[in-house]
Amino acid sequence: MKKFIALLMFLAATVTPLFAHAGHVHTYMGTVTMLHGEHAFMMKATDGKDLTIETSPRTTWTHQDGHVAKRSDLAVGGRVVVKLTTDGKTAASVKMGAPKKK
């Protein structure tokens, strides 16, 4: 019986993480640290991790006030909230801090 329980615990510990994030939309908040051409940027997330975010023509861009933004509005030092697609590689949406007043 002890072997059976040990086997169940082993399986639960090894198999469960494989399915923990499958198909979920991940959201990251942080600060833009570097721009990489037209289709990527780096950010430092609030948990301290450095992330490279890929974008695509389907990525939606908005400001925190809800107004439509453009990729060109993204700037180093700006605060962002990024929602990734279910593949976990490409940004589905990027919400930026309010635009700078002119």
PDB file of N, CA and C in Angstrom:
ATOM      1  N   MET A   1       0.817  -1.192   0.000  1.00  0.00           N
ATOM      2  CA  MET A   1       0.000   0.000   0.000  1.00  0.00           C
ATOM      3  C   MET A   1       0.865   1.262   0.000  1.00  0.00           C
ATOM      4  N   LYS A   2       1.948   1.243   0.764  1.00  0.00           N
ATOM      5  CA  LYS A   2       2.837   2.398   0.823  1.00  0.00           C
ATOM      6  C   LYS A   2       3.475   2.647  -0.542  1.00  0.00           C
ATOM      7  N   LYS A   3       3.801   1.573  -1.269  1.00  0.00           N
ATOM      8  CA  LYS A   3       4.388   1.724  -2.603  1.00  0.00           C
ATOM      9  C   LYS A   3       3.378   2.350  -3.554  1.00  0.00           C
ATOM     10  N   PHE A   4       2.129   1.945  -3.443  1.00  0.00           N
ATOM     11  CA  PHE A   4       1.079   2.480  -4.296  1.00  0.00           C
ATOM     12  C   PHE A   4       0.895   3.983  -4.056  1.00  0.00           C
ATOM     13  N   ILE A   5       0.874   4.392  -2.794  1.00  0.00           N
ATOM     14  CA  ILE A   5       0.731   5.809  -2.447  1.00  0.00           C
ATOM     15  C   ILE A   5       1.955   6.584  -2.922  1.00  0.00           C
ATOM     16  N   ALA A   6       3.130   6.007  -2.756  1.00  0.00           N
ATOM     17  CA  ALA A   6       4.344   6.660  -3.216  1.00  0.00           C
ATOM     18  C   ALA A   6       4.323   6.825  -4.736  1.00  0.00           C
ATOM     19  N   LEU A   7       3.838   5.818  -5.445  1.00  0.00           N
ATOM     20  CA  LEU A   7       3.743   5.897  -6.900  1.00  0.00           C
ATOM     21  C   LEU A   7       2.749   6.984  -7.318  1.00  0.00           C
ATOM     22  N   LEU A   8       1.609   7.069  -6.646  1.00  0.00           N
ATOM     23  CA  LEU A   8       0.633   8.109  -6.953  1.00  0.00           C
ATOM     24  C   LEU A   8       1.204   9.502  -6.708  1.00  0.00           C
ATOM     25  N   MET A   9       1.910   9.670  -5.612  1.00  0.00           N
ATOM     26  CA  MET A   9       2.520  10.966  -5.304  1.00  0.00           C
ATOM     27  C   MET A   9       3.564  11.328  -6.345  1.00  0.00           C
ATOM     28  N   PHE A  10       4.361  10.345  -6.767  1.00  0.00           N
ATOM     29  CA  PHE A  10       5.375  10.577  -7.794  1.00  0.00           C
ATOM     30  C   PHE A  10       4.723  11.010  -9.111  1.00  0.00           C
ATOM     31  N   LEU A  11       3.673  10.302  -9.516  1.00  0.00           N
ATOM     32  CA  LEU A  11       2.983  10.644 -10.760  1.00  0.00           C
ATOM     33  C   LEU A  11       2.344  12.028 -10.683  1.00  0.00           C
ATOM     34  N   ALA A  12       1.743  12.336  -9.563  1.00  0.00           N
ATOM     35  CA  ALA A  12       1.128  13.655  -9.397  1.00  0.00           C
ATOM     36  C   ALA A  12       2.167  14.765  -9.472  1.00  0.00           C
ATOM     37  N   ALA A  13       3.328  14.526  -8.891  1.00  0.00           N
ATOM     38  CA  ALA A  13       4.383  15.535  -8.881  1.00  0.00           C
ATOM     39  C   ALA A  13       5.035  15.720 -10.248  1.00  0.00           C
ATOM     40  N   THR A  14       5.085  14.662 -11.055  1.00  0.00           N
ATOM     41  CA  THR A  14       5.768  14.765 -12.336  1.00  0.00           C
ATOM     42  C   THR A  14       4.840  15.084 -13.497  1.00  0.00           C
ATOM     43  N   VAL A  15       3.610  14.655 -13.453  1.00  0.00           N
ATOM     44  CA  VAL A  15       2.697  14.850 -14.575  1.00  0.00           C
ATOM     45  C   VAL A  15       1.934  16.169 -14.467  1.00  0.00           C
ATOM     46  N   THR A  16       1.533  16.570 -13.303  1.00  0.00           N
ATOM     47  CA  THR A  16       0.724  17.777 -13.125  1.00  0.00           C
ATOM     48  C   THR A  16       1.386  19.029 -13.701  1.00  0.00           C
ATOM     49  N   PRO A  17       2.666  19.298 -13.485  1.00  0.00           N
ATOM     50  CA  PRO A  17       3.262  20.510 -14.065  1.00  0.00           C
ATOM     51  C   PRO A  17       3.224  20.545 -15.585  1.00  0.00           C
ATOM     52  N   LEU A  18       3.152  19.410 -16.226  1.00  0.00           N
ATOM     53  CA  LEU A  18       3.093  19.396 -17.682  1.00  0.00           C
ATOM     54  C   LEU A  18       1.813  20.032 -18.202  1.00  0.00           C
ATOM     55  N   PHE A  19       0.752  19.963 -17.423  1.00  0.00           N
ATOM     56  CA  PHE A  19      -0.522  20.502 -17.853  1.00  0.00           C
ATOM     57  C   PHE A  19      -0.909  21.786 -17.115  1.00  0.00           C
ATOM     58  N   ALA A  20      -0.045  22.290 -16.283  1.00  0.00           N
ATOM     59  CA  ALA A  20      -0.403  23.411 -15.418  1.00  0.00           C
ATOM     60  C   ALA A  20      -0.750  24.672 -16.187  1.00  0.00           C
ATOM     61  N   HIS A  21      -0.071  24.947 -17.304  1.00  0.00           N
ATOM     62  CA  HIS A  21      -0.306  26.200 -18.003  1.00  0.00           C
ATOM     63  C   HIS A  21      -0.761  26.015 -19.439  1.00  0.00           C
ATOM     64  N   ALA A  22      -1.072  24.846 -19.841  1.00  0.00           N
ATOM     65  CA  ALA A  22      -1.465  24.620 -21.227  1.00  0.00           C
ATOM     66  C   ALA A  22      -2.754  25.356 -21.542  1.00  0.00           C
ATOM     67  N   GLY A  23      -2.728  26.154 -22.606  1.00  0.00           N
ATOM     68  CA  GLY A  23      -3.928  26.829 -23.062  1.00  0.00           C
ATOM     69  C   GLY A  23      -4.356  28.037 -22.254  1.00  0.00           C
ATOM     70  N   HIS A  24      -3.549  28.491 -21.329  1.00  0.00           N
ATOM     71  CA  HIS A  24      -3.901  29.643 -20.526  1.00  0.00           C
ATOM     72  C   HIS A  24      -3.268  30.896 -21.098  1.00  0.00           C
ATOM     73  N   VAL A  25      -3.937  32.013 -20.928  1.00  0.00           N
ATOM     74  CA  VAL A  25      -3.396  33.299 -21.349  1.00  0.00           C
ATOM     75  C   VAL A  25      -2.571  33.848 -20.189  1.00  0.00           C
ATOM     76  N   HIS A  26      -1.321  34.160 -20.454  1.00  0.00           N
ATOM     77  CA  HIS A  26      -0.445  34.705 -19.427  1.00  0.00           C
ATOM     78  C   HIS A  26      -0.442  36.222 -19.525  1.00  0.00           C
ATOM     79  N   THR A  27      -0.459  36.891 -18.398  1.00  0.00           N
ATOM     80  CA  THR A  27      -0.420  38.347 -18.351  1.00  0.00           C
ATOM     81  C   THR A  27       0.805  38.772 -17.555  1.00  0.00           C
ATOM     82  N   TYR A  28       1.556  39.712 -18.114  1.00  0.00           N
ATOM     83  CA  TYR A  28       2.746  40.237 -17.443  1.00  0.00           C
ATOM     84  C   TYR A  28       2.644  41.744 -17.360  1.00  0.00           C
ATOM     85  N   MET A  29       3.048  42.286 -16.218  1.00  0.00           N
ATOM     86  CA  MET A  29       3.134  43.728 -16.026  1.00  0.00           C
ATOM     87  C   MET A  29       4.587  44.070 -15.808  1.00  0.00           C
ATOM     88  N   GLY A  30       5.003  45.228 -16.308  1.00  0.00           N
ATOM     89  CA  GLY A  30       6.385  45.624 -16.102  1.00  0.00           C
ATOM     90  C   GLY A  30       6.746  46.882 -16.856  1.00  0.00           C
ATOM     91  N   THR A  31       8.059  47.038 -17.050  1.00  0.00           N
ATOM     92  CA  THR A  31       8.613  48.228 -17.683  1.00  0.00           C
ATOM     93  C   THR A  31       9.412  47.826 -18.911  1.00  0.00           C
ATOM     94  N   VAL A  32       9.231  48.564 -20.006  1.00  0.00           N
ATOM     95  CA  VAL A  32       9.969  48.302 -21.244  1.00  0.00           C
ATOM     96  C   VAL A  32      11.431  48.658 -21.021  1.00  0.00           C
ATOM     97  N   THR A  33      12.332  47.729 -21.350  1.00  0.00           N
ATOM     98  CA  THR A  33      13.765  47.971 -21.166  1.00  0.00           C
ATOM     99  C   THR A  33      14.527  48.111 -22.480  1.00  0.00           C
ATOM    100  N   MET A  34      13.973  47.560 -23.580  1.00  0.00           N
ATOM    101  CA  MET A  34      14.671  47.635 -24.856  1.00  0.00           C
ATOM    102  C   MET A  34      13.692  47.361 -25.993  1.00  0.00           C
ATOM    103  N   LEU A  35      13.857  48.079 -27.096  1.00  0.00           N
ATOM    104  CA  LEU A  35      13.037  47.843 -28.278  1.00  0.00           C
ATOM    105  C   LEU A  35      13.856  47.049 -29.284  1.00  0.00           C
ATOM    106  N   HIS A  36      13.256  46.036 -29.891  1.00  0.00           N
ATOM    107  CA  HIS A  36      13.925  45.189 -30.882  1.00  0.00           C
ATOM    108  C   HIS A  36      13.197  45.299 -32.210  1.00  0.00           C
ATOM    109  N   GLY A  37      13.531  46.266 -33.013  1.00  0.00           N
ATOM    110  CA  GLY A  37      12.907  46.403 -34.322  1.00  0.00           C
ATOM    111  C   GLY A  37      11.407  46.602 -34.229  1.00  0.00           C
ATOM    112  N   GLU A  38      10.699  46.104 -35.230  1.00  0.00           N
ATOM    113  CA  GLU A  38       9.261  46.299 -35.317  1.00  0.00           C
ATOM    114  C   GLU A  38       8.441  45.196 -34.654  1.00  0.00           C
ATOM    115  N   HIS A  39       9.073  44.066 -34.308  1.00  0.00           N
ATOM    116  CA  HIS A  39       8.274  42.928 -33.871  1.00  0.00           C
ATOM    117  C   HIS A  39       8.669  42.340 -32.522  1.00  0.00           C
ATOM    118  N   ALA A  40       9.401  43.072 -31.718  1.00  0.00           N
ATOM    119  CA  ALA A  40       9.762  42.542 -30.397  1.00  0.00           C
ATOM    120  C   ALA A  40      10.239  43.671 -29.486  1.00  0.00           C
ATOM    121  N   PHE A  41      10.107  43.441 -28.197  1.00  0.00           N
ATOM    122  CA  PHE A  41      10.675  44.344 -27.199  1.00  0.00           C
ATOM    123  C   PHE A  41      10.971  43.540 -25.947  1.00  0.00           C
ATOM    124  N   MET A  42      11.830  44.095 -25.111  1.00  0.00           N
ATOM    125  CA  MET A  42      12.147  43.447 -23.833  1.00  0.00           C
ATOM    126  C   MET A  42      11.501  44.239 -22.716  1.00  0.00           C
ATOM    127  N   MET A  43      11.127  43.508 -21.676  1.00  0.00           N
ATOM    128  CA  MET A  43      10.556  44.163 -20.507  1.00  0.00           C
ATOM    129  C   MET A  43      11.048  43.478 -19.242  1.00  0.00           C
ATOM    130  N   LYS A  44      11.079  44.240 -18.162  1.00  0.00           N
ATOM    131  CA  LYS A  44      11.363  43.676 -16.849  1.00  0.00           C
ATOM    132  C   LYS A  44      10.024  43.585 -16.136  1.00  0.00           C
ATOM    133  N   ALA A  45       9.600  42.357 -15.877  1.00  0.00           N
ATOM    134  CA  ALA A  45       8.312  42.124 -15.226  1.00  0.00           C
ATOM    135  C   ALA A  45       8.386  42.523 -13.757  1.00  0.00           C
ATOM    136  N   THR A  46       7.243  42.687 -13.137  1.00  0.00           N
ATOM    137  CA  THR A  46       7.208  43.089 -11.735  1.00  0.00           C
ATOM    138  C   THR A  46       7.830  42.058 -10.808  1.00  0.00           C
ATOM    139  N   ASP A  47       7.941  40.802 -11.277  1.00  0.00           N
ATOM    140  CA  ASP A  47       8.595  39.781 -10.456  1.00  0.00           C
ATOM    141  C   ASP A  47      10.107  39.755 -10.667  1.00  0.00           C
ATOM    142  N   GLY A  48      10.639  40.704 -11.476  1.00  0.00           N
ATOM    143  CA  GLY A  48      12.072  40.822 -11.690  1.00  0.00           C
ATOM    144  C   GLY A  48      12.611  40.071 -12.894  1.00  0.00           C
ATOM    145  N   LYS A  49      11.775  39.302 -13.574  1.00  0.00           N
ATOM    146  CA  LYS A  49      12.232  38.536 -14.731  1.00  0.00           C
ATOM    147  C   LYS A  49      12.324  39.425 -15.961  1.00  0.00           C
ATOM    148  N   ASP A  50      13.361  39.206 -16.777  1.00  0.00           N
ATOM    149  CA  ASP A  50      13.487  39.882 -18.057  1.00  0.00           C
ATOM    150  C   ASP A  50      12.818  39.016 -19.113  1.00  0.00           C
ATOM    151  N   LEU A  51      11.901  39.612 -19.868  1.00  0.00           N
ATOM    152  CA  LEU A  51      11.143  38.877 -20.870  1.00  0.00           C
ATOM    153  C   LEU A  51      11.311  39.527 -22.235  1.00  0.00           C
ATOM    154  N   THR A  52      11.429  38.717 -23.271  1.00  0.00           N
ATOM    155  CA  THR A  52      11.383  39.223 -24.637  1.00  0.00           C
ATOM    156  C   THR A  52       9.985  38.930 -25.157  1.00  0.00           C
ATOM    157  N   ILE A  53       9.307  39.967 -25.589  1.00  0.00           N
ATOM    158  CA  ILE A  53       7.929  39.858 -26.053  1.00  0.00           C
ATOM    159  C   ILE A  53       7.920  40.015 -27.572  1.00  0.00           C
ATOM    160  N   GLU A  54       7.418  38.997 -28.247  1.00  0.00           N
ATOM    161  CA  GLU A  54       7.248  39.043 -29.699  1.00  0.00           C
ATOM    162  C   GLU A  54       5.866  39.622 -29.993  1.00  0.00           C
ATOM    163  N   THR A  55       5.774  40.440 -31.044  1.00  0.00           N
ATOM    164  CA  THR A  55       4.487  40.977 -31.454  1.00  0.00           C
ATOM    165  C   THR A  55       4.199  40.534 -32.887  1.00  0.00           C
ATOM    166  N   SER A  56       2.959  40.683 -33.284  1.00  0.00           N
ATOM    167  CA  SER A  56       2.558  40.304 -34.638  1.00  0.00           C
ATOM    168  C   SER A  56       1.577  41.345 -35.152  1.00  0.00           C
ATOM    169  N   PRO A  57       1.204  41.264 -36.410  1.00  0.00           N
ATOM    170  CA  PRO A  57       0.196  42.202 -36.928  1.00  0.00           C
ATOM    171  C   PRO A  57      -1.148  42.080 -36.207  1.00  0.00           C
ATOM    172  N   ARG A  58      -1.408  40.960 -35.561  1.00  0.00           N
ATOM    173  CA  ARG A  58      -2.660  40.767 -34.821  1.00  0.00           C
ATOM    174  C   ARG A  58      -2.606  41.304 -33.393  1.00  0.00           C
ATOM    175  N   THR A  59      -1.439  41.729 -32.934  1.00  0.00           N
ATOM    176  CA  THR A  59      -1.321  42.296 -31.584  1.00  0.00           C
ATOM    177  C   THR A  59      -2.106  43.603 -31.511  1.00  0.00           C
ATOM    178  N   THR A  60      -2.924  43.753 -30.481  1.00  0.00           N
ATOM    179  CA  THR A  60      -3.666  45.003 -30.297  1.00  0.00           C
ATOM    180  C   THR A  60      -2.895  45.904 -29.338  1.00  0.00           C
ATOM    181  N   TRP A  61      -2.907  47.183 -29.625  1.00  0.00           N
ATOM    182  CA  TRP A  61      -2.167  48.179 -28.852  1.00  0.00           C
ATOM    183  C   TRP A  61      -3.152  49.205 -28.310  1.00  0.00           C
ATOM    184  N   THR A  62      -3.135  49.425 -26.996  1.00  0.00           N
ATOM    185  CA  THR A  62      -3.993  50.442 -26.379  1.00  0.00           C
ATOM    186  C   THR A  62      -3.222  51.173 -25.295  1.00  0.00           C
ATOM    187  N   HIS A  63      -3.735  52.365 -24.964  1.00  0.00           N
ATOM    188  CA  HIS A  63      -3.221  53.101 -23.811  1.00  0.00           C
ATOM    189  C   HIS A  63      -4.097  52.743 -22.615  1.00  0.00           C
ATOM    190  N   GLN A  64      -3.630  53.010 -21.422  1.00  0.00           N
ATOM    191  CA  GLN A  64      -4.388  52.658 -20.223  1.00  0.00           C
ATOM    192  C   GLN A  64      -5.730  53.368 -20.161  1.00  0.00           C
ATOM    193  N   ASP A  65      -5.853  54.482 -20.852  1.00  0.00           N
ATOM    194  CA  ASP A  65      -7.131  55.193 -20.849  1.00  0.00           C
ATOM    195  C   ASP A  65      -8.114  54.626 -21.870  1.00  0.00           C
ATOM    196  N   GLY A  66      -7.710  53.552 -22.567  1.00  0.00           N
ATOM    197  CA  GLY A  66      -8.599  52.885 -23.506  1.00  0.00           C
ATOM    198  C   GLY A  66      -8.466  53.335 -24.947  1.00  0.00           C
ATOM    199  N   HIS A  67      -7.725  54.406 -25.193  1.00  0.00           N
ATOM    200  CA  HIS A  67      -7.547  54.878 -26.557  1.00  0.00           C
ATOM    201  C   HIS A  67      -6.596  53.965 -27.326  1.00  0.00           C
ATOM    202  N   VAL A  68      -6.841  53.886 -28.616  1.00  0.00           N
ATOM    203  CA  VAL A  68      -5.995  53.057 -29.482  1.00  0.00           C
ATOM    204  C   VAL A  68      -4.580  53.628 -29.514  1.00  0.00           C
ATOM    205  N   ALA A  69      -3.595  52.732 -29.477  1.00  0.00           N
ATOM    206  CA  ALA A  69      -2.192  53.125 -29.543  1.00  0.00           C
ATOM    207  C   ALA A  69      -1.560  52.492 -30.772  1.00  0.00           C
ATOM    208  N   LYS A  70      -0.330  52.874 -31.044  1.00  0.00           N
ATOM    209  CA  LYS A  70       0.436  52.290 -32.140  1.00  0.00           C
ATOM    210  C   LYS A  70       1.719  51.713 -31.551  1.00  0.00           C
ATOM    211  N   ARG A  71       2.313  50.812 -32.274  1.00  0.00           N
ATOM    212  CA  ARG A  71       3.595  50.222 -31.856  1.00  0.00           C
ATOM    213  C   ARG A  71       4.629  51.322 -31.641  1.00  0.00           C
ATOM    214  N   SER A  72       4.574  52.358 -32.452  1.00  0.00           N
ATOM    215  CA  SER A  72       5.547  53.453 -32.351  1.00  0.00           C
ATOM    216  C   SER A  72       5.394  54.255 -31.057  1.00  0.00           C
ATOM    217  N   ASP A  73       4.268  54.109 -30.350  1.00  0.00           N
ATOM    218  CA  ASP A  73       4.078  54.789 -29.065  1.00  0.00           C
ATOM    219  C   ASP A  73       4.866  54.122 -27.941  1.00  0.00           C
ATOM    220  N   LEU A  74       5.313  52.896 -28.164  1.00  0.00           N
ATOM    221  CA  LEU A  74       6.052  52.157 -27.140  1.00  0.00           C
ATOM    222  C   LEU A  74       7.418  52.796 -26.941  1.00  0.00           C
ATOM    223  N   ALA A  75       7.816  53.032 -25.692  1.00  0.00           N
ATOM    224  CA  ALA A  75       9.095  53.684 -25.403  1.00  0.00           C
ATOM    225  C   ALA A  75       9.776  53.008 -24.222  1.00  0.00           C
ATOM    226  N   VAL A  76      11.101  53.028 -24.240  1.00  0.00           N
ATOM    227  CA  VAL A  76      11.884  52.490 -23.128  1.00  0.00           C
ATOM    228  C   VAL A  76      11.511  53.264 -21.865  1.00  0.00           C
ATOM    229  N   GLY A  77      11.279  52.530 -20.788  1.00  0.00           N
ATOM    230  CA  GLY A  77      10.891  53.131 -19.520  1.00  0.00           C
ATOM    231  C   GLY A  77       9.386  53.187 -19.317  1.00  0.00           C
ATOM    232  N   GLY A  78       8.634  52.914 -20.379  1.00  0.00           N
ATOM    233  CA  GLY A  78       7.178  52.943 -20.278  1.00  0.00           C
ATOM    234  C   GLY A  78       6.649  51.702 -19.576  1.00  0.00           C
ATOM    235  N   ARG A  79       5.559  51.874 -18.854  1.00  0.00           N
ATOM    236  CA  ARG A  79       4.918  50.753 -18.162  1.00  0.00           C
ATOM    237  C   ARG A  79       3.963  50.067 -19.127  1.00  0.00           C
ATOM    238  N   VAL A  80       3.945  48.725 -19.088  1.00  0.00           N
ATOM    239  CA  VAL A  80       3.080  47.955 -19.976  1.00  0.00           C
ATOM    240  C   VAL A  80       2.431  46.795 -19.244  1.00  0.00           C
ATOM    241  N   VAL A  81       1.293  46.368 -19.786  1.00  0.00           N
ATOM    242  CA  VAL A  81       0.635  45.131 -19.388  1.00  0.00           C
ATOM    243  C   VAL A  81       0.488  44.327 -20.664  1.00  0.00           C
ATOM    244  N   VAL A  82       1.079  43.134 -20.680  1.00  0.00           N
ATOM    245  CA  VAL A  82       1.099  42.302 -21.882  1.00  0.00           C
ATOM    246  C   VAL A  82       0.312  41.028 -21.616  1.00  0.00           C
ATOM    247  N   LYS A  83      -0.607  40.721 -22.520  1.00  0.00           N
ATOM    248  CA  LYS A  83      -1.323  39.440 -22.483  1.00  0.00           C
ATOM    249  C   LYS A  83      -0.815  38.631 -23.662  1.00  0.00           C
ATOM    250  N   LEU A  84      -0.289  37.436 -23.367  1.00  0.00           N
ATOM    251  CA  LEU A  84       0.229  36.579 -24.418  1.00  0.00           C
ATOM    252  C   LEU A  84      -0.876  35.703 -24.990  1.00  0.00           C
ATOM    253  N   THR A  85      -0.671  35.239 -26.219  1.00  0.00           N
ATOM    254  CA  THR A  85      -1.599  34.292 -26.818  1.00  0.00           C
ATOM    255  C   THR A  85      -1.434  32.959 -26.100  1.00  0.00           C
ATOM    256  N   THR A  86      -2.318  32.020 -26.382  1.00  0.00           N
ATOM    257  CA  THR A  86      -2.270  30.735 -25.692  1.00  0.00           C
ATOM    258  C   THR A  86      -1.017  29.941 -26.015  1.00  0.00           C
ATOM    259  N   ASP A  87      -0.305  30.284 -27.099  1.00  0.00           N
ATOM    260  CA  ASP A  87       0.952  29.593 -27.385  1.00  0.00           C
ATOM    261  C   ASP A  87       2.068  30.076 -26.463  1.00  0.00           C
ATOM    262  N   GLY A  88       1.847  31.187 -25.743  1.00  0.00           N
ATOM    263  CA  GLY A  88       2.815  31.693 -24.776  1.00  0.00           C
ATOM    264  C   GLY A  88       4.024  32.370 -25.390  1.00  0.00           C
ATOM    265  N   LYS A  89       3.972  32.691 -26.683  1.00  0.00           N
ATOM    266  CA  LYS A  89       5.129  33.271 -27.353  1.00  0.00           C
ATOM    267  C   LYS A  89       4.876  34.662 -27.915  1.00  0.00           C
ATOM    268  N   THR A  90       3.640  34.936 -28.307  1.00  0.00           N
ATOM    269  CA  THR A  90       3.329  36.178 -28.997  1.00  0.00           C
ATOM    270  C   THR A  90       2.322  36.989 -28.195  1.00  0.00           C
ATOM    271  N   ALA A  91       2.492  38.311 -28.211  1.00  0.00           N
ATOM    272  CA  ALA A  91       1.574  39.188 -27.489  1.00  0.00           C
ATOM    273  C   ALA A  91       0.241  39.279 -28.212  1.00  0.00           C
ATOM    274  N   ALA A  92      -0.839  39.016 -27.496  1.00  0.00           N
ATOM    275  CA  ALA A  92      -2.179  39.215 -28.040  1.00  0.00           C
ATOM    276  C   ALA A  92      -2.557  40.679 -27.893  1.00  0.00           C
ATOM    277  N   SER A  93      -2.164  41.273 -26.751  1.00  0.00           N
ATOM    278  CA  SER A  93      -2.440  42.694 -26.531  1.00  0.00           C
ATOM    279  C   SER A  93      -1.342  43.311 -25.679  1.00  0.00           C
ATOM    280  N   VAL A  94      -1.115  44.611 -25.934  1.00  0.00           N
ATOM    281  CA  VAL A  94      -0.170  45.385 -25.144  1.00  0.00           C
ATOM    282  C   VAL A  94      -0.894  46.658 -24.733  1.00  0.00           C
ATOM    283  N   LYS A  95      -0.988  46.879 -23.422  1.00  0.00           N
ATOM    284  CA  LYS A  95      -1.594  48.097 -22.898  1.00  0.00           C
ATOM    285  C   LYS A  95      -0.475  48.937 -22.298  1.00  0.00           C
ATOM    286  N   MET A  96      -0.347  50.161 -22.775  1.00  0.00           N
ATOM    287  CA  MET A  96       0.726  51.061 -22.331  1.00  0.00           C
ATOM    288  C   MET A  96       0.190  52.103 -21.360  1.00  0.00           C
ATOM    289  N   GLY A  97       1.116  52.694 -20.640  1.00  0.00           N
ATOM    290  CA  GLY A  97       0.752  53.807 -19.778  1.00  0.00           C
ATOM    291  C   GLY A  97       0.185  54.935 -20.636  1.00  0.00           C
ATOM    292  N   ALA A  98      -0.402  55.917 -20.008  1.00  0.00           N
ATOM    293  CA  ALA A  98      -1.015  57.042 -20.746  1.00  0.00           C
ATOM    294  C   ALA A  98       0.013  57.699 -21.652  1.00  0.00           C
ATOM    295  N   PRO A  99      -0.417  58.164 -22.820  1.00  0.00           N
ATOM    296  CA  PRO A  99       0.531  58.828 -23.733  1.00  0.00           C
ATOM    297  C   PRO A  99       1.057  60.113 -23.117  1.00  0.00           C
ATOM    298  N   LYS A 100       2.274  60.478 -23.531  1.00  0.00           N
ATOM    299  CA  LYS A 100       2.864  61.720 -23.025  1.00  0.00           C
ATOM    300  C   LYS A 100       2.095  62.908 -23.577  1.00  0.00           C
ATOM    301  N   LYS A 101       1.857  63.874 -22.706  1.00  0.00           N
ATOM    302  CA  LYS A 101       1.136  65.079 -23.132  1.00  0.00           C
ATOM    303  C   LYS A 101       2.058  65.968 -23.949  1.00  0.00           C
ATOM    304  N   LYS A 102       1.496  66.534 -24.984  1.00  0.00           N
ATOM    305  CA  LYS A 102       2.294  67.388 -25.887  1.00  0.00           C
ATOM    306  C   LYS A 102       2.233  68.828 -25.478  1.00  0.00           C
TER     307      LYS A 102
END
